[in-house]
Amino acid sequence: MALQLILIRHAETVANVQKRWVGWNDTPLTERGEAQAEAVARHLAAEVIDAVALYTSPLPRARRTAEIIGHALGLDPIPLDGLREINFGDMDGMTPEEMKTHYPDLYERWQDRTDMEFTWPGGERRSDFFRRVVATCNDILSHHWHGTVLIVAHGGTLRAMLAYLLPDQMSQWWGYELTHCALTRVWVEKGRTSLLALNDATFLSPF
């Protein structure tokens, strides 16, 4: 039995355009984001014939994206709190430049992506975030052995998941981009995982 995981970052939001960090707070999809979600939904509906579940972060930007995809696939999105983005705490809504200006020491420490003890003031520690995502990933995998499972979440969440599923290839989770509504595919068979595609956005042109 083999399982395909399709990981999808939510569609573009207002905060993304403004280059602001948004974690547990929220920000609406842009008009372009709505079009991205519709495009990925059409693509998946035409391609995926064995979808067995659709999981989503409960945050509205991810849930809206998942609802559009679910409508096309005939699946009801299942919200999981463990798929939330990292909690940026007091920095939520701030741009990196604003953080650099007002909290230079914190900004310098944040830049060390290997520092798993880095903690967002009033928010989450990196190591706790990764543990949360790993536990959620394992929970999903424990319920499915075949077919295709779709997961709509956030850039940070999906990178943490990939670092866990593919430690040899994706441990440097900060070193690659996951664009809005692009598809990353992971094959799971007999306890082994392999990367089929990373950040496939070819079907999103001209978005």
N, C-alpha and C. Protein backbone atom coordinates (compact mmCIF):
# COMPACT_ATOMS: atom_id res chain seq x y z
N MET A 1 0.84 -1.19 0.00
CA MET A 1 0.00 0.00 0.00
C MET A 1 0.89 1.26 0.00
N ALA A 2 0.52 2.22 -0.82
CA ALA A 2 1.31 3.45 -0.90
C ALA A 2 0.39 4.65 -0.73
N LEU A 3 0.95 5.68 -0.14
CA LEU A 3 0.20 6.90 0.14
C LEU A 3 0.91 8.08 -0.49
N GLN A 4 0.15 8.95 -1.14
CA GLN A 4 0.71 10.20 -1.64
C GLN A 4 0.20 11.35 -0.77
N LEU A 5 1.13 12.14 -0.27
CA LEU A 5 0.78 13.38 0.43
C LEU A 5 0.97 14.55 -0.53
N ILE A 6 -0.04 15.39 -0.66
CA ILE A 6 0.09 16.62 -1.43
C ILE A 6 0.00 17.78 -0.46
N LEU A 7 1.08 18.51 -0.33
CA LEU A 7 1.18 19.64 0.60
C LEU A 7 0.97 20.94 -0.16
N ILE A 8 0.08 21.78 0.35
CA ILE A 8 -0.31 23.00 -0.37
C ILE A 8 -0.26 24.17 0.59
N ARG A 9 0.53 25.18 0.26
CA ARG A 9 0.51 26.41 1.04
C ARG A 9 -0.74 27.21 0.66
N HIS A 10 -1.33 27.85 1.65
CA HIS A 10 -2.54 28.65 1.39
C HIS A 10 -2.29 29.72 0.32
N ALA A 11 -3.35 30.24 -0.22
CA ALA A 11 -3.26 31.26 -1.27
C ALA A 11 -2.76 32.59 -0.70
N GLU A 12 -2.38 33.48 -1.60
CA GLU A 12 -1.82 34.78 -1.23
C GLU A 12 -2.78 35.60 -0.38
N THR A 13 -2.22 36.28 0.64
CA THR A 13 -3.02 37.13 1.53
C THR A 13 -2.54 38.57 1.46
N VAL A 14 -3.32 39.44 2.06
CA VAL A 14 -2.95 40.85 2.15
C VAL A 14 -1.62 41.02 2.87
N ALA A 15 -1.43 40.29 3.97
CA ALA A 15 -0.18 40.39 4.74
C ALA A 15 1.01 39.90 3.92
N ASN A 16 0.81 38.88 3.08
CA ASN A 16 1.90 38.43 2.22
C ASN A 16 2.36 39.54 1.28
N VAL A 17 1.41 40.25 0.71
CA VAL A 17 1.74 41.36 -0.19
C VAL A 17 2.50 42.45 0.56
N GLN A 18 2.11 42.68 1.80
CA GLN A 18 2.76 43.70 2.64
C GLN A 18 4.04 43.20 3.29
N LYS A 19 4.37 41.93 3.06
CA LYS A 19 5.57 41.29 3.61
C LYS A 19 5.57 41.30 5.14
N ARG A 20 4.40 41.03 5.71
CA ARG A 20 4.25 40.98 7.17
C ARG A 20 4.13 39.54 7.64
N TRP A 21 4.77 39.26 8.78
CA TRP A 21 4.58 37.97 9.41
C TRP A 21 3.18 37.91 10.01
N VAL A 22 2.48 36.87 9.71
CA VAL A 22 1.20 36.62 10.37
C VAL A 22 1.15 35.15 10.75
N GLY A 23 1.00 34.90 12.04
CA GLY A 23 0.96 33.53 12.52
C GLY A 23 -0.44 33.11 12.89
N TRP A 24 -0.79 33.28 14.17
CA TRP A 24 -2.11 32.86 14.63
C TRP A 24 -3.17 33.93 14.42
N ASN A 25 -2.77 35.16 14.18
CA ASN A 25 -3.74 36.15 13.74
C ASN A 25 -4.08 35.85 12.28
N ASP A 26 -4.92 36.65 11.68
CA ASP A 26 -5.24 36.30 10.31
C ASP A 26 -5.27 37.50 9.39
N THR A 27 -5.38 37.20 8.13
CA THR A 27 -5.34 38.19 7.06
C THR A 27 -6.10 37.60 5.88
N PRO A 28 -6.95 38.36 5.21
CA PRO A 28 -7.77 37.79 4.14
C PRO A 28 -6.97 37.49 2.87
N LEU A 29 -7.50 36.59 2.07
CA LEU A 29 -6.91 36.34 0.76
C LEU A 29 -7.10 37.56 -0.12
N THR A 30 -6.13 37.81 -0.96
CA THR A 30 -6.26 38.85 -1.97
C THR A 30 -7.11 38.31 -3.13
N GLU A 31 -7.46 39.20 -4.05
CA GLU A 31 -8.16 38.76 -5.26
C GLU A 31 -7.31 37.75 -6.03
N ARG A 32 -6.02 38.02 -6.08
CA ARG A 32 -5.09 37.08 -6.73
C ARG A 32 -5.06 35.75 -5.99
N GLY A 33 -5.13 35.82 -4.66
CA GLY A 33 -5.15 34.60 -3.88
C GLY A 33 -6.37 33.75 -4.16
N GLU A 34 -7.52 34.40 -4.28
CA GLU A 34 -8.74 33.65 -4.62
C GLU A 34 -8.58 32.96 -5.97
N ALA A 35 -7.98 33.65 -6.92
CA ALA A 35 -7.76 33.06 -8.25
C ALA A 35 -6.77 31.90 -8.17
N GLN A 36 -5.74 32.02 -7.33
CA GLN A 36 -4.79 30.92 -7.14
C GLN A 36 -5.49 29.68 -6.59
N ALA A 37 -6.34 29.89 -5.59
CA ALA A 37 -7.05 28.77 -4.98
C ALA A 37 -7.97 28.08 -5.99
N GLU A 38 -8.64 28.87 -6.80
CA GLU A 38 -9.50 28.28 -7.84
C GLU A 38 -8.67 27.50 -8.86
N ALA A 39 -7.49 28.03 -9.20
CA ALA A 39 -6.64 27.36 -10.19
C ALA A 39 -6.12 26.03 -9.67
N VAL A 40 -5.67 25.99 -8.42
CA VAL A 40 -5.15 24.73 -7.87
C VAL A 40 -6.29 23.73 -7.70
N ALA A 41 -7.47 24.23 -7.36
CA ALA A 41 -8.63 23.34 -7.22
C ALA A 41 -8.97 22.68 -8.56
N ARG A 42 -8.97 23.46 -9.63
CA ARG A 42 -9.26 22.90 -10.96
C ARG A 42 -8.21 21.86 -11.35
N HIS A 43 -6.96 22.20 -11.08
CA HIS A 43 -5.86 21.30 -11.42
C HIS A 43 -5.98 19.98 -10.67
N LEU A 44 -6.24 20.05 -9.39
CA LEU A 44 -6.35 18.83 -8.59
C LEU A 44 -7.57 18.00 -8.98
N ALA A 45 -8.68 18.67 -9.28
CA ALA A 45 -9.89 17.96 -9.67
C ALA A 45 -9.68 17.17 -10.96
N ALA A 46 -8.86 17.71 -11.86
CA ALA A 46 -8.60 17.05 -13.13
C ALA A 46 -7.58 15.92 -13.00
N GLU A 47 -6.79 15.96 -11.93
CA GLU A 47 -5.66 15.02 -11.83
C GLU A 47 -5.84 13.95 -10.76
N VAL A 48 -6.35 14.31 -9.62
CA VAL A 48 -6.40 13.38 -8.49
C VAL A 48 -7.71 12.60 -8.50
N ILE A 49 -7.59 11.28 -8.59
CA ILE A 49 -8.80 10.44 -8.64
C ILE A 49 -8.93 9.56 -7.39
N ASP A 50 -7.94 9.62 -6.51
CA ASP A 50 -7.96 8.73 -5.35
C ASP A 50 -7.83 9.49 -4.03
N ALA A 51 -8.32 10.74 -3.99
CA ALA A 51 -8.22 11.54 -2.77
C ALA A 51 -9.07 10.92 -1.67
N VAL A 52 -8.47 10.72 -0.50
CA VAL A 52 -9.19 10.10 0.61
C VAL A 52 -9.45 11.08 1.77
N ALA A 53 -8.68 12.17 1.82
CA ALA A 53 -8.89 13.13 2.90
C ALA A 53 -8.23 14.46 2.56
N LEU A 54 -8.80 15.51 3.13
CA LEU A 54 -8.27 16.86 2.97
C LEU A 54 -8.19 17.50 4.36
N TYR A 55 -6.96 17.73 4.81
CA TYR A 55 -6.74 18.35 6.12
C TYR A 55 -6.33 19.80 5.93
N THR A 56 -6.66 20.63 6.91
CA THR A 56 -6.31 22.04 6.82
C THR A 56 -6.00 22.64 8.17
N SER A 57 -5.14 23.63 8.17
CA SER A 57 -5.02 24.51 9.33
C SER A 57 -6.37 25.19 9.53
N PRO A 58 -6.77 25.41 10.80
CA PRO A 58 -8.05 26.07 11.03
C PRO A 58 -8.03 27.58 10.81
N LEU A 59 -6.83 28.15 10.60
CA LEU A 59 -6.75 29.59 10.39
C LEU A 59 -7.46 29.96 9.09
N PRO A 60 -8.24 31.04 9.08
CA PRO A 60 -9.13 31.33 7.95
C PRO A 60 -8.47 31.36 6.58
N ARG A 61 -7.23 31.84 6.47
CA ARG A 61 -6.59 31.91 5.15
C ARG A 61 -6.35 30.52 4.57
N ALA A 62 -6.00 29.57 5.43
CA ALA A 62 -5.82 28.19 4.98
C ALA A 62 -7.16 27.52 4.77
N ARG A 63 -8.07 27.77 5.69
CA ARG A 63 -9.37 27.10 5.59
C ARG A 63 -10.13 27.54 4.33
N ARG A 64 -10.04 28.83 3.99
CA ARG A 64 -10.69 29.31 2.77
C ARG A 64 -10.10 28.61 1.55
N THR A 65 -8.77 28.50 1.51
CA THR A 65 -8.12 27.81 0.40
C THR A 65 -8.59 26.36 0.34
N ALA A 66 -8.65 25.70 1.49
CA ALA A 66 -9.05 24.30 1.55
C ALA A 66 -10.51 24.11 1.14
N GLU A 67 -11.35 25.06 1.50
CA GLU A 67 -12.77 24.95 1.12
C GLU A 67 -12.95 24.98 -0.40
N ILE A 68 -12.18 25.83 -1.06
CA ILE A 68 -12.25 25.91 -2.52
C ILE A 68 -11.77 24.60 -3.14
N ILE A 69 -10.68 24.06 -2.62
CA ILE A 69 -10.16 22.78 -3.11
C ILE A 69 -11.14 21.65 -2.80
N GLY A 70 -11.65 21.65 -1.58
CA GLY A 70 -12.58 20.60 -1.18
C GLY A 70 -13.84 20.57 -2.02
N HIS A 71 -14.33 21.75 -2.38
CA HIS A 71 -15.52 21.83 -3.22
C HIS A 71 -15.27 21.16 -4.57
N ALA A 72 -14.08 21.37 -5.12
CA ALA A 72 -13.76 20.79 -6.42
C ALA A 72 -13.57 19.28 -6.34
N LEU A 73 -13.10 18.79 -5.19
CA LEU A 73 -12.81 17.37 -5.04
C LEU A 73 -13.92 16.59 -4.36
N GLY A 74 -14.93 17.29 -3.87
CA GLY A 74 -16.00 16.61 -3.15
C GLY A 74 -15.58 16.14 -1.77
N LEU A 75 -14.67 16.90 -1.13
CA LEU A 75 -14.17 16.55 0.21
C LEU A 75 -14.44 17.69 1.18
N ASP A 76 -14.80 17.34 2.40
CA ASP A 76 -14.94 18.34 3.45
C ASP A 76 -13.60 18.50 4.16
N PRO A 77 -13.05 19.73 4.23
CA PRO A 77 -11.78 19.93 4.91
C PRO A 77 -11.89 19.59 6.40
N ILE A 78 -10.87 18.91 6.90
CA ILE A 78 -10.79 18.53 8.30
C ILE A 78 -9.78 19.45 8.99
N PRO A 79 -10.21 20.36 9.86
CA PRO A 79 -9.27 21.27 10.51
C PRO A 79 -8.50 20.59 11.63
N LEU A 80 -7.19 20.83 11.68
CA LEU A 80 -6.34 20.32 12.74
C LEU A 80 -5.53 21.47 13.32
N ASP A 81 -5.65 21.69 14.62
CA ASP A 81 -4.92 22.79 15.25
C ASP A 81 -3.41 22.67 15.08
N GLY A 82 -2.92 21.43 15.00
CA GLY A 82 -1.48 21.23 14.86
C GLY A 82 -0.91 21.71 13.55
N LEU A 83 -1.77 22.04 12.58
CA LEU A 83 -1.31 22.55 11.28
C LEU A 83 -1.21 24.07 11.24
N ARG A 84 -1.49 24.73 12.37
CA ARG A 84 -1.35 26.19 12.40
C ARG A 84 0.10 26.60 12.12
N GLU A 85 0.25 27.83 11.64
CA GLU A 85 1.58 28.43 11.50
C GLU A 85 2.20 28.59 12.88
N ILE A 86 3.49 28.83 12.94
CA ILE A 86 4.13 29.12 14.21
C ILE A 86 3.50 30.39 14.81
N ASN A 87 3.44 30.43 16.12
CA ASN A 87 2.87 31.60 16.80
C ASN A 87 3.96 32.66 16.94
N PHE A 88 3.83 33.75 16.20
CA PHE A 88 4.82 34.84 16.24
C PHE A 88 4.66 35.73 17.47
N GLY A 89 3.63 35.51 18.25
CA GLY A 89 3.45 36.26 19.49
C GLY A 89 3.41 37.76 19.27
N ASP A 90 4.26 38.49 19.99
CA ASP A 90 4.26 39.95 19.94
C ASP A 90 4.71 40.48 18.58
N MET A 91 5.35 39.65 17.78
CA MET A 91 5.85 40.08 16.48
C MET A 91 4.81 39.89 15.37
N ASP A 92 3.68 39.31 15.71
CA ASP A 92 2.65 39.05 14.70
C ASP A 92 2.20 40.35 14.05
N GLY A 93 2.23 40.39 12.72
CA GLY A 93 1.85 41.58 11.98
C GLY A 93 3.01 42.51 11.65
N MET A 94 4.20 42.16 12.12
CA MET A 94 5.38 43.00 11.90
C MET A 94 6.12 42.56 10.64
N THR A 95 6.81 43.48 9.99
CA THR A 95 7.69 43.12 8.89
C THR A 95 9.08 42.80 9.44
N PRO A 96 9.87 42.02 8.70
CA PRO A 96 11.24 41.77 9.15
C PRO A 96 12.04 43.06 9.36
N GLU A 97 11.83 44.05 8.52
CA GLU A 97 12.55 45.31 8.67
C GLU A 97 12.16 46.03 9.97
N GLU A 98 10.88 45.97 10.31
CA GLU A 98 10.44 46.58 11.56
C GLU A 98 11.05 45.86 12.77
N MET A 99 11.12 44.56 12.68
CA MET A 99 11.74 43.79 13.75
C MET A 99 13.23 44.14 13.87
N LYS A 100 13.90 44.25 12.74
CA LYS A 100 15.32 44.58 12.74
C LYS A 100 15.57 45.95 13.37
N THR A 101 14.66 46.90 13.11
CA THR A 101 14.81 48.25 13.63
C THR A 101 14.53 48.32 15.13
N HIS A 102 13.46 47.68 15.57
CA HIS A 102 13.00 47.82 16.95
C HIS A 102 13.55 46.75 17.89
N TYR A 103 13.91 45.61 17.34
CA TYR A 103 14.41 44.50 18.17
C TYR A 103 15.65 43.89 17.51
N PRO A 104 16.74 44.66 17.41
CA PRO A 104 17.90 44.19 16.65
C PRO A 104 18.52 42.90 17.20
N ASP A 105 18.57 42.75 18.52
CA ASP A 105 19.16 41.54 19.10
C ASP A 105 18.31 40.31 18.78
N LEU A 106 17.01 40.49 18.89
CA LEU A 106 16.10 39.39 18.57
C LEU A 106 16.19 39.03 17.09
N TYR A 107 16.28 40.05 16.26
CA TYR A 107 16.38 39.83 14.81
C TYR A 107 17.64 39.05 14.48
N GLU A 108 18.75 39.39 15.13
CA GLU A 108 20.01 38.70 14.87
C GLU A 108 19.90 37.23 15.26
N ARG A 109 19.27 36.97 16.40
CA ARG A 109 19.14 35.58 16.83
C ARG A 109 18.18 34.82 15.90
N TRP A 110 17.12 35.47 15.46
CA TRP A 110 16.17 34.84 14.56
C TRP A 110 16.85 34.37 13.28
N GLN A 111 17.84 35.10 12.82
CA GLN A 111 18.51 34.77 11.57
C GLN A 111 19.27 33.45 11.63
N ASP A 112 19.61 33.00 12.84
CA ASP A 112 20.25 31.70 12.97
C ASP A 112 19.17 30.63 12.94
N ARG A 113 18.90 30.10 11.76
CA ARG A 113 17.79 29.17 11.60
C ARG A 113 18.04 27.82 12.28
N THR A 114 19.30 27.56 12.66
CA THR A 114 19.60 26.31 13.35
C THR A 114 19.32 26.40 14.85
N ASP A 115 19.05 27.59 15.34
CA ASP A 115 18.78 27.80 16.77
C ASP A 115 17.35 27.37 17.08
N MET A 116 17.19 26.13 17.51
CA MET A 116 15.86 25.61 17.75
C MET A 116 15.28 26.09 19.08
N GLU A 117 16.08 26.76 19.88
CA GLU A 117 15.57 27.32 21.14
C GLU A 117 15.08 28.76 20.96
N PHE A 118 15.23 29.29 19.75
CA PHE A 118 14.72 30.64 19.50
C PHE A 118 13.22 30.66 19.78
N THR A 119 12.81 31.67 20.54
CA THR A 119 11.40 31.78 20.94
C THR A 119 10.87 33.15 20.57
N TRP A 120 9.74 33.18 19.91
CA TRP A 120 9.08 34.44 19.60
C TRP A 120 8.48 35.00 20.89
N PRO A 121 8.79 36.25 21.25
CA PRO A 121 8.25 36.82 22.49
C PRO A 121 6.72 36.72 22.53
N GLY A 122 6.21 36.07 23.56
CA GLY A 122 4.77 35.88 23.66
C GLY A 122 4.24 34.81 22.73
N GLY A 123 5.15 34.12 22.04
CA GLY A 123 4.74 33.11 21.07
C GLY A 123 5.40 31.77 21.31
N GLU A 124 5.76 31.09 20.21
CA GLU A 124 6.26 29.72 20.29
C GLU A 124 7.76 29.64 20.15
N ARG A 125 8.31 28.63 20.80
CA ARG A 125 9.70 28.25 20.58
C ARG A 125 9.78 27.37 19.34
N ARG A 126 10.82 27.51 18.56
CA ARG A 126 10.95 26.73 17.33
C ARG A 126 10.83 25.23 17.60
N SER A 127 11.54 24.75 18.60
CA SER A 127 11.52 23.31 18.86
C SER A 127 10.12 22.83 19.22
N ASP A 128 9.36 23.64 19.96
CA ASP A 128 7.99 23.26 20.30
C ASP A 128 7.10 23.23 19.06
N PHE A 129 7.31 24.19 18.18
CA PHE A 129 6.56 24.25 16.92
C PHE A 129 6.82 22.99 16.09
N PHE A 130 8.10 22.63 15.96
CA PHE A 130 8.43 21.46 15.17
C PHE A 130 7.84 20.20 15.79
N ARG A 131 7.88 20.08 17.11
CA ARG A 131 7.28 18.91 17.76
C ARG A 131 5.78 18.85 17.49
N ARG A 132 5.13 19.99 17.54
CA ARG A 132 3.69 20.04 17.26
C ARG A 132 3.38 19.55 15.85
N VAL A 133 4.15 20.02 14.89
CA VAL A 133 3.91 19.63 13.50
C VAL A 133 4.20 18.14 13.29
N VAL A 134 5.27 17.65 13.89
CA VAL A 134 5.62 16.23 13.77
C VAL A 134 4.51 15.35 14.35
N ALA A 135 3.99 15.72 15.51
CA ALA A 135 2.91 14.95 16.13
C ALA A 135 1.67 14.93 15.23
N THR A 136 1.37 16.07 14.62
CA THR A 136 0.20 16.15 13.72
C THR A 136 0.42 15.32 12.47
N CYS A 137 1.62 15.37 11.93
CA CYS A 137 1.96 14.57 10.74
C CYS A 137 1.80 13.09 11.05
N ASN A 138 2.32 12.65 12.18
CA ASN A 138 2.21 11.25 12.56
C ASN A 138 0.76 10.84 12.76
N ASP A 139 -0.04 11.74 13.30
CA ASP A 139 -1.45 11.45 13.50
C ASP A 139 -2.15 11.23 12.15
N ILE A 140 -1.85 12.10 11.19
CA ILE A 140 -2.42 11.94 9.85
C ILE A 140 -1.99 10.61 9.24
N LEU A 141 -0.70 10.31 9.32
CA LEU A 141 -0.18 9.09 8.71
C LEU A 141 -0.76 7.84 9.37
N SER A 142 -1.10 7.93 10.65
CA SER A 142 -1.64 6.76 11.34
C SER A 142 -3.05 6.41 10.87
N HIS A 143 -3.70 7.34 10.18
CA HIS A 143 -5.08 7.11 9.73
C HIS A 143 -5.18 6.74 8.25
N HIS A 144 -4.06 6.79 7.53
CA HIS A 144 -4.12 6.56 6.08
C HIS A 144 -2.94 5.71 5.61
N TRP A 145 -3.24 4.77 4.71
CA TRP A 145 -2.21 3.88 4.19
C TRP A 145 -2.15 3.88 2.67
N HIS A 146 -3.17 4.43 2.03
CA HIS A 146 -3.19 4.40 0.56
C HIS A 146 -4.01 5.59 0.06
N GLY A 147 -3.91 5.82 -1.25
CA GLY A 147 -4.63 6.94 -1.85
C GLY A 147 -3.83 8.23 -1.74
N THR A 148 -4.54 9.34 -1.85
CA THR A 148 -3.92 10.66 -1.78
C THR A 148 -4.54 11.47 -0.65
N VAL A 149 -3.68 12.01 0.19
CA VAL A 149 -4.11 12.89 1.28
C VAL A 149 -3.59 14.28 0.99
N LEU A 150 -4.47 15.26 1.05
CA LEU A 150 -4.09 16.65 0.79
C LEU A 150 -4.03 17.41 2.11
N ILE A 151 -3.02 18.26 2.25
CA ILE A 151 -2.83 19.05 3.46
C ILE A 151 -2.63 20.51 3.06
N VAL A 152 -3.53 21.38 3.51
CA VAL A 152 -3.42 22.82 3.25
C VAL A 152 -2.97 23.49 4.54
N ALA A 153 -1.84 24.16 4.48
CA ALA A 153 -1.31 24.78 5.69
C ALA A 153 -0.47 26.00 5.33
N HIS A 154 0.58 26.24 6.07
CA HIS A 154 1.38 27.46 5.98
C HIS A 154 2.82 27.12 5.61
N GLY A 155 3.54 28.12 5.14
CA GLY A 155 4.92 27.89 4.72
C GLY A 155 5.77 27.25 5.80
N GLY A 156 5.72 27.81 7.00
CA GLY A 156 6.52 27.27 8.10
C GLY A 156 6.09 25.87 8.48
N THR A 157 4.80 25.64 8.54
CA THR A 157 4.28 24.33 8.91
C THR A 157 4.70 23.27 7.90
N LEU A 158 4.58 23.57 6.63
CA LEU A 158 4.91 22.58 5.61
C LEU A 158 6.42 22.33 5.54
N ARG A 159 7.22 23.34 5.79
CA ARG A 159 8.68 23.12 5.83
C ARG A 159 9.06 22.22 7.01
N ALA A 160 8.42 22.44 8.15
CA ALA A 160 8.68 21.59 9.31
C ALA A 160 8.28 20.15 9.01
N MET A 161 7.17 19.98 8.33
CA MET A 161 6.71 18.64 7.98
C MET A 161 7.68 17.96 7.01
N LEU A 162 8.16 18.70 6.04
CA LEU A 162 9.11 18.14 5.07
C LEU A 162 10.44 17.78 5.73
N ALA A 163 10.88 18.61 6.67
CA ALA A 163 12.12 18.31 7.39
C ALA A 163 12.00 17.00 8.15
N TYR A 164 10.81 16.72 8.66
CA TYR A 164 10.57 15.47 9.38
C TYR A 164 10.45 14.28 8.43
N LEU A 165 9.69 14.44 7.37
CA LEU A 165 9.45 13.34 6.45
C LEU A 165 10.68 13.00 5.61
N LEU A 166 11.49 14.01 5.28
CA LEU A 166 12.64 13.83 4.39
C LEU A 166 13.89 14.46 5.01
N PRO A 167 14.36 13.92 6.13
CA PRO A 167 15.46 14.57 6.86
C PRO A 167 16.76 14.68 6.07
N ASP A 168 17.01 13.73 5.18
CA ASP A 168 18.26 13.78 4.41
C ASP A 168 18.25 14.90 3.36
N GLN A 169 17.06 15.20 2.83
CA GLN A 169 16.96 16.19 1.75
C GLN A 169 16.52 17.56 2.24
N MET A 170 15.63 17.60 3.22
CA MET A 170 14.93 18.84 3.53
C MET A 170 15.21 19.37 4.94
N SER A 171 16.29 18.90 5.56
CA SER A 171 16.57 19.34 6.93
C SER A 171 16.85 20.84 7.00
N GLN A 172 17.40 21.41 5.93
CA GLN A 172 17.60 22.86 5.90
C GLN A 172 16.31 23.52 5.42
N TRP A 173 15.34 23.53 6.31
CA TRP A 173 13.97 23.92 5.98
C TRP A 173 13.86 25.38 5.54
N TRP A 174 14.84 26.18 5.85
CA TRP A 174 14.81 27.60 5.49
C TRP A 174 15.37 27.86 4.10
N GLY A 175 15.88 26.84 3.44
CA GLY A 175 16.66 27.06 2.22
C GLY A 175 15.89 26.96 0.92
N TYR A 176 14.58 26.87 0.98
CA TYR A 176 13.81 26.77 -0.26
C TYR A 176 12.47 27.48 -0.08
N GLU A 177 11.84 27.78 -1.17
CA GLU A 177 10.60 28.54 -1.15
C GLU A 177 9.41 27.61 -1.38
N LEU A 178 8.33 27.90 -0.68
CA LEU A 178 7.04 27.27 -0.96
C LEU A 178 6.09 28.40 -1.33
N THR A 179 5.75 28.49 -2.60
CA THR A 179 4.91 29.59 -3.05
C THR A 179 3.44 29.26 -2.85
N HIS A 180 2.62 30.27 -2.93
CA HIS A 180 1.20 30.12 -2.65
C HIS A 180 0.52 29.19 -3.65
N CYS A 181 -0.14 28.15 -3.09
CA CYS A 181 -0.93 27.18 -3.86
C CYS A 181 -0.10 26.28 -4.75
N ALA A 182 1.23 26.32 -4.61
CA ALA A 182 2.05 25.34 -5.33
C ALA A 182 1.91 23.98 -4.66
N LEU A 183 2.24 22.93 -5.39
CA LEU A 183 2.07 21.56 -4.90
C LEU A 183 3.42 20.91 -4.60
N THR A 184 3.52 20.35 -3.41
CA THR A 184 4.68 19.52 -3.05
C THR A 184 4.15 18.13 -2.76
N ARG A 185 4.76 17.13 -3.39
CA ARG A 185 4.26 15.76 -3.30
C ARG A 185 5.28 14.85 -2.62
N VAL A 186 4.79 14.07 -1.68
CA VAL A 186 5.65 13.12 -0.97
C VAL A 186 5.00 11.74 -1.06
N TRP A 187 5.82 10.75 -1.43
CA TRP A 187 5.35 9.37 -1.56
C TRP A 187 5.74 8.59 -0.30
N VAL A 188 4.80 7.90 0.29
CA VAL A 188 5.05 7.12 1.51
C VAL A 188 4.68 5.67 1.22
N GLU A 189 5.67 4.78 1.33
CA GLU A 189 5.43 3.38 1.05
C GLU A 189 6.32 2.52 1.93
N LYS A 190 5.70 1.61 2.68
CA LYS A 190 6.42 0.68 3.57
C LYS A 190 7.35 1.43 4.52
N GLY A 191 6.86 2.55 5.04
CA GLY A 191 7.65 3.30 6.01
C GLY A 191 8.73 4.17 5.40
N ARG A 192 8.85 4.16 4.09
CA ARG A 192 9.87 4.98 3.43
C ARG A 192 9.20 6.15 2.72
N THR A 193 9.89 7.27 2.69
CA THR A 193 9.35 8.46 2.04
C THR A 193 10.28 8.93 0.93
N SER A 194 9.68 9.50 -0.10
CA SER A 194 10.48 10.08 -1.19
C SER A 194 9.76 11.31 -1.71
N LEU A 195 10.54 12.24 -2.18
CA LEU A 195 10.00 13.50 -2.71
C LEU A 195 9.72 13.35 -4.19
N LEU A 196 8.47 13.54 -4.57
CA LEU A 196 8.09 13.45 -5.98
C LEU A 196 8.17 14.81 -6.67
N ALA A 197 7.79 15.86 -5.96
CA ALA A 197 7.81 17.20 -6.55
C ALA A 197 7.87 18.23 -5.42
N LEU A 198 8.63 19.28 -5.65
CA LEU A 198 8.75 20.36 -4.67
C LEU A 198 8.31 21.67 -5.32
N ASN A 199 7.27 22.27 -4.73
CA ASN A 199 6.85 23.61 -5.13
C ASN A 199 6.49 23.69 -6.62
N ASP A 200 5.69 22.76 -7.08
CA ASP A 200 5.26 22.77 -8.48
C ASP A 200 4.15 23.81 -8.65
N ALA A 201 4.46 24.87 -9.37
CA ALA A 201 3.50 25.96 -9.59
C ALA A 201 3.26 26.18 -11.08
N THR A 202 3.62 25.22 -11.90
CA THR A 202 3.52 25.41 -13.35
C THR A 202 2.08 25.69 -13.80
N PHE A 203 1.12 25.12 -13.12
CA PHE A 203 -0.28 25.25 -13.50
C PHE A 203 -0.88 26.59 -13.05
N LEU A 204 -0.11 27.36 -12.27
CA LEU A 204 -0.64 28.62 -11.73
C LEU A 204 -0.41 29.81 -12.65
N SER A 205 0.39 29.67 -13.68
CA SER A 205 0.63 30.78 -14.60
C SER A 205 -0.72 31.29 -15.14
N PRO A 206 -0.94 32.62 -15.13
CA PRO A 206 -0.01 33.71 -14.86
C PRO A 206 -0.09 34.26 -13.43
N PHE A 207 -0.52 33.45 -12.47
CA PHE A 207 -0.67 33.94 -11.11
C PHE A 207 0.64 33.96 -10.35
